[in-house]
Amino acid sequence: MPQKRVPIIGPVSAGAGCEVIDNEAVYPTVYADTKDPNAYAVIVEGESMEPVYKHGDILIVEPNRQTQTGDLVIAKATDGTVYFKLFQRAGKNAEVIRLVSLNPLFSAMEFEGQGLEWCHPVTSMVRVFKYEATKTY
């Protein structure tokens, strides 16, 4: 798959939720293996997806790919709050969407009907390791 530059559009909450992503802030781009022309990246803030995903991780999101149960997603609720969670469908006809944290200290959220504006699957992650020259390892 070809690598392309993907814009980092801002932070996303791995916690209680954050406001709409700030499209006016200036963030760098990151290289990612994606064919989605609308792919974007977000930076994780919070602890609800630990121990697997950590504060500062960069997530690659492909909005043109269909979301499936079990996908990690970036989801925007109708109140404007944006989340990074595990996507599940529940209910008799799968009419309820559950957004689940990996950290057991955080409760799952449920949305019925039109409770979410959109839900985009996360397809990969970039973790930046920082080296501090003054620190002893």
C-alpha atoms as a PDB file:
ATOM      1  CA  MET A   1       0.000   0.000   0.000  1.00  0.00           C
ATOM      2  CA  PRO A   2       1.391   3.435  -0.841  1.00  0.00           C
ATOM      3  CA  GLN A   3       2.392   5.793   1.936  1.00  0.00           C
ATOM      4  CA  LYS A   4       0.843   9.222   1.829  1.00  0.00           C
ATOM      5  CA  ARG A   5       0.879  12.303   3.988  1.00  0.00           C
ATOM      6  CA  VAL A   6      -2.139  12.444   6.284  1.00  0.00           C
ATOM      7  CA  PRO A   7      -3.097  15.631   8.142  1.00  0.00           C
ATOM      8  CA  ILE A   8      -3.309  15.538  11.927  1.00  0.00           C
ATOM      9  CA  ILE A   9      -6.522  17.464  12.577  1.00  0.00           C
ATOM     10  CA  GLY A  10      -6.332  17.655  16.359  1.00  0.00           C
ATOM     11  CA  PRO A  11      -6.837  15.787  19.615  1.00  0.00           C
ATOM     12  CA  VAL A  12      -9.494  13.177  20.345  1.00  0.00           C
ATOM     13  CA  SER A  13     -10.653  12.153  23.799  1.00  0.00           C
ATOM     14  CA  ALA A  14      -9.886   8.749  25.208  1.00  0.00           C
ATOM     15  CA  GLY A  15     -11.850   9.678  28.283  1.00  0.00           C
ATOM     16  CA  ALA A  16     -14.932  11.720  28.978  1.00  0.00           C
ATOM     17  CA  GLY A  17     -15.065  13.324  25.526  1.00  0.00           C
ATOM     18  CA  CYS A  18     -13.810  16.545  24.013  1.00  0.00           C
ATOM     19  CA  GLU A  19     -15.287  19.311  21.952  1.00  0.00           C
ATOM     20  CA  VAL A  20     -15.349  19.228  18.174  1.00  0.00           C
ATOM     21  CA  ILE A  21     -11.920  18.876  16.641  1.00  0.00           C
ATOM     22  CA  ASP A  22     -10.373  22.315  16.085  1.00  0.00           C
ATOM     23  CA  ASN A  23      -9.960  22.650  12.335  1.00  0.00           C
ATOM     24  CA  GLU A  24      -8.245  26.044  12.702  1.00  0.00           C
ATOM     25  CA  ALA A  25      -5.303  24.805  14.756  1.00  0.00           C
ATOM     26  CA  VAL A  26      -2.144  23.963  12.843  1.00  0.00           C
ATOM     27  CA  TYR A  27      -0.825  20.430  13.269  1.00  0.00           C
ATOM     28  CA  PRO A  28       1.834  18.527  11.326  1.00  0.00           C
ATOM     29  CA  THR A  29       1.193  15.680   8.928  1.00  0.00           C
ATOM     30  CA  VAL A  30       2.201  12.056   9.340  1.00  0.00           C
ATOM     31  CA  TYR A  31       2.945   9.339   6.774  1.00  0.00           C
ATOM     32  CA  ALA A  32       0.473   6.437   6.706  1.00  0.00           C
ATOM     33  CA  ASP A  33      -0.313   3.383   4.599  1.00  0.00           C
ATOM     34  CA  THR A  34      -3.764   4.260   3.280  1.00  0.00           C
ATOM     35  CA  LYS A  35      -5.649   4.489   0.012  1.00  0.00           C
ATOM     36  CA  ASP A  36      -8.430   6.630   1.484  1.00  0.00           C
ATOM     37  CA  PRO A  37      -8.141  10.105  -0.084  1.00  0.00           C
ATOM     38  CA  ASN A  38      -9.907  11.579   2.973  1.00  0.00           C
ATOM     39  CA  ALA A  39      -7.776   9.853   5.630  1.00  0.00           C
ATOM     40  CA  TYR A  40      -6.886  11.961   8.624  1.00  0.00           C
ATOM     41  CA  ALA A  41      -5.073  11.530  11.923  1.00  0.00           C
ATOM     42  CA  VAL A  42      -5.884  12.494  15.509  1.00  0.00           C
ATOM     43  CA  ILE A  43      -3.845  12.580  18.708  1.00  0.00           C
ATOM     44  CA  VAL A  44      -5.115  10.570  21.697  1.00  0.00           C
ATOM     45  CA  GLU A  45      -5.745  12.505  24.908  1.00  0.00           C
ATOM     46  CA  GLY A  46      -6.772  10.656  28.063  1.00  0.00           C
ATOM     47  CA  GLU A  47      -6.628   7.205  29.621  1.00  0.00           C
ATOM     48  CA  SER A  48      -9.828   5.343  28.722  1.00  0.00           C
ATOM     49  CA  MET A  49      -8.161   3.224  26.026  1.00  0.00           C
ATOM     50  CA  GLU A  50      -5.130   2.222  28.121  1.00  0.00           C
ATOM     51  CA  PRO A  51      -3.194   0.026  28.434  1.00  0.00           C
ATOM     52  CA  VAL A  52      -3.189  -0.490  24.640  1.00  0.00           C
ATOM     53  CA  TYR A  53      -3.523   3.118  23.438  1.00  0.00           C
ATOM     54  CA  LYS A  54      -1.795   5.887  25.330  1.00  0.00           C
ATOM     55  CA  HIS A  55      -1.961   9.647  25.617  1.00  0.00           C
ATOM     56  CA  GLY A  56      -0.023  11.068  22.643  1.00  0.00           C
ATOM     57  CA  ASP A  57      -0.571   8.151  20.248  1.00  0.00           C
ATOM     58  CA  ILE A  58      -1.463   9.215  16.712  1.00  0.00           C
ATOM     59  CA  LEU A  59      -4.398   7.368  15.131  1.00  0.00           C
ATOM     60  CA  ILE A  60      -4.951   7.039  11.388  1.00  0.00           C
ATOM     61  CA  VAL A  61      -8.638   7.224  10.464  1.00  0.00           C
ATOM     62  CA  GLU A  62     -10.277   6.203   7.173  1.00  0.00           C
ATOM     63  CA  PRO A  63     -13.696   7.883   6.952  1.00  0.00           C
ATOM     64  CA  ASN A  64     -14.613   6.215   3.642  1.00  0.00           C
ATOM     65  CA  ARG A  65     -14.408   2.730   5.161  1.00  0.00           C
ATOM     66  CA  GLN A  66     -17.591   1.276   6.668  1.00  0.00           C
ATOM     67  CA  THR A  67     -17.601   0.847  10.440  1.00  0.00           C
ATOM     68  CA  GLN A  68     -18.087  -2.710  11.726  1.00  0.00           C
ATOM     69  CA  THR A  69     -18.724  -4.100  15.206  1.00  0.00           C
ATOM     70  CA  GLY A  70     -15.364  -4.541  16.902  1.00  0.00           C
ATOM     71  CA  ASP A  71     -13.691  -1.626  15.114  1.00  0.00           C
ATOM     72  CA  LEU A  72     -11.867   1.091  16.977  1.00  0.00           C
ATOM     73  CA  VAL A  73     -13.527   4.353  15.983  1.00  0.00           C
ATOM     74  CA  ILE A  74     -13.530   8.097  16.222  1.00  0.00           C
ATOM     75  CA  ALA A  75     -17.168   9.010  16.843  1.00  0.00           C
ATOM     76  CA  LYS A  76     -18.921  12.366  17.081  1.00  0.00           C
ATOM     77  CA  ALA A  77     -22.092  12.531  19.162  1.00  0.00           C
ATOM     78  CA  THR A  78     -24.910  14.892  18.226  1.00  0.00           C
ATOM     79  CA  ASP A  79     -23.931  17.124  21.176  1.00  0.00           C
ATOM     80  CA  GLY A  80     -20.593  17.765  19.432  1.00  0.00           C
ATOM     81  CA  THR A  81     -18.473  15.558  21.713  1.00  0.00           C
ATOM     82  CA  VAL A  82     -15.820  13.447  19.968  1.00  0.00           C
ATOM     83  CA  TYR A  83     -14.605  10.091  21.330  1.00  0.00           C
ATOM     84  CA  PHE A  84     -12.040   7.361  20.626  1.00  0.00           C
ATOM     85  CA  LYS A  85     -13.665   4.038  21.574  1.00  0.00           C
ATOM     86  CA  LEU A  86     -14.431   0.445  20.577  1.00  0.00           C
ATOM     87  CA  PHE A  87     -17.595   0.257  18.433  1.00  0.00           C
ATOM     88  CA  GLN A  88     -20.322  -2.321  19.185  1.00  0.00           C
ATOM     89  CA  ARG A  89     -23.915  -2.801  18.138  1.00  0.00           C
ATOM     90  CA  ALA A  90     -26.465  -4.039  20.663  1.00  0.00           C
ATOM     91  CA  GLY A  91     -30.195  -4.538  21.011  1.00  0.00           C
ATOM     92  CA  LYS A  92     -32.633  -6.843  19.267  1.00  0.00           C
ATOM     93  CA  ASN A  93     -32.045  -5.328  15.832  1.00  0.00           C
ATOM     94  CA  ALA A  94     -28.614  -3.852  16.563  1.00  0.00           C
ATOM     95  CA  GLU A  95     -30.249  -0.433  16.887  1.00  0.00           C
ATOM     96  CA  VAL A  96     -28.125   0.597  19.878  1.00  0.00           C
ATOM     97  CA  ILE A  97     -24.524   1.680  19.384  1.00  0.00           C
ATOM     98  CA  ARG A  98     -22.174   1.105  22.302  1.00  0.00           C
ATOM     99  CA  LEU A  99     -18.866   2.932  22.587  1.00  0.00           C
ATOM    100  CA  VAL A 100     -16.645   0.932  24.916  1.00  0.00           C
ATOM    101  CA  SER A 101     -13.384   1.844  26.642  1.00  0.00           C
ATOM    102  CA  LEU A 102     -10.549  -0.672  26.995  1.00  0.00           C
ATOM    103  CA  ASN A 103      -9.762   0.669  30.474  1.00  0.00           C
ATOM    104  CA  PRO A 104     -12.245  -0.980  32.901  1.00  0.00           C
ATOM    105  CA  LEU A 105     -12.352   2.193  35.015  1.00  0.00           C
ATOM    106  CA  PHE A 106     -14.455   3.867  32.286  1.00  0.00           C
ATOM    107  CA  SER A 107     -18.083   2.955  31.595  1.00  0.00           C
ATOM    108  CA  ALA A 108     -19.491   2.144  28.166  1.00  0.00           C
ATOM    109  CA  MET A 109     -21.741   4.718  26.501  1.00  0.00           C
ATOM    110  CA  GLU A 110     -24.893   3.866  24.560  1.00  0.00           C
ATOM    111  CA  PHE A 111     -26.468   5.808  21.711  1.00  0.00           C
ATOM    112  CA  GLU A 112     -29.839   5.038  20.164  1.00  0.00           C
ATOM    113  CA  GLY A 113     -31.167   6.120  16.801  1.00  0.00           C
ATOM    114  CA  GLN A 114     -29.457   9.276  15.630  1.00  0.00           C
ATOM    115  CA  GLY A 115     -27.266   9.757  18.728  1.00  0.00           C
ATOM    116  CA  LEU A 116     -24.079   9.860  16.645  1.00  0.00           C
ATOM    117  CA  GLU A 117     -23.403  12.283  13.797  1.00  0.00           C
ATOM    118  CA  TRP A 118     -20.638  10.090  12.377  1.00  0.00           C
ATOM    119  CA  CYS A 119     -18.380   7.204  13.241  1.00  0.00           C
ATOM    120  CA  HIS A 120     -15.074   6.621  11.392  1.00  0.00           C
ATOM    121  CA  PRO A 121     -12.881   3.522  11.780  1.00  0.00           C
ATOM    122  CA  VAL A 122      -9.322   3.771  13.052  1.00  0.00           C
ATOM    123  CA  THR A 123      -7.056   1.681  10.832  1.00  0.00           C
ATOM    124  CA  SER A 124      -3.584   2.151  12.306  1.00  0.00           C
ATOM    125  CA  MET A 125      -1.530   3.938  14.917  1.00  0.00           C
ATOM    126  CA  VAL A 126       1.760   5.793  15.133  1.00  0.00           C
ATOM    127  CA  ARG A 127       3.472   5.919  18.517  1.00  0.00           C
ATOM    128  CA  VAL A 128       6.138   8.551  18.976  1.00  0.00           C
ATOM    129  CA  PHE A 129       8.932   7.649  21.358  1.00  0.00           C
ATOM    130  CA  LYS A 130      10.808  10.546  22.872  1.00  0.00           C
ATOM    131  CA  TYR A 131      14.430  10.409  23.925  1.00  0.00           C
ATOM    132  CA  GLU A 132      15.640  12.874  26.513  1.00  0.00           C
ATOM    133  CA  ALA A 133      19.420  13.325  26.458  1.00  0.00           C
ATOM    134  CA  THR A 134      19.510  14.498  30.078  1.00  0.00           C
ATOM    135  CA  LYS A 135      17.669  11.463  31.463  1.00  0.00           C
ATOM    136  CA  THR A 136      19.479   8.317  32.626  1.00  0.00           C
ATOM    137  CA  TYR A 137      18.123   5.081  31.128  1.00  0.00           C
END
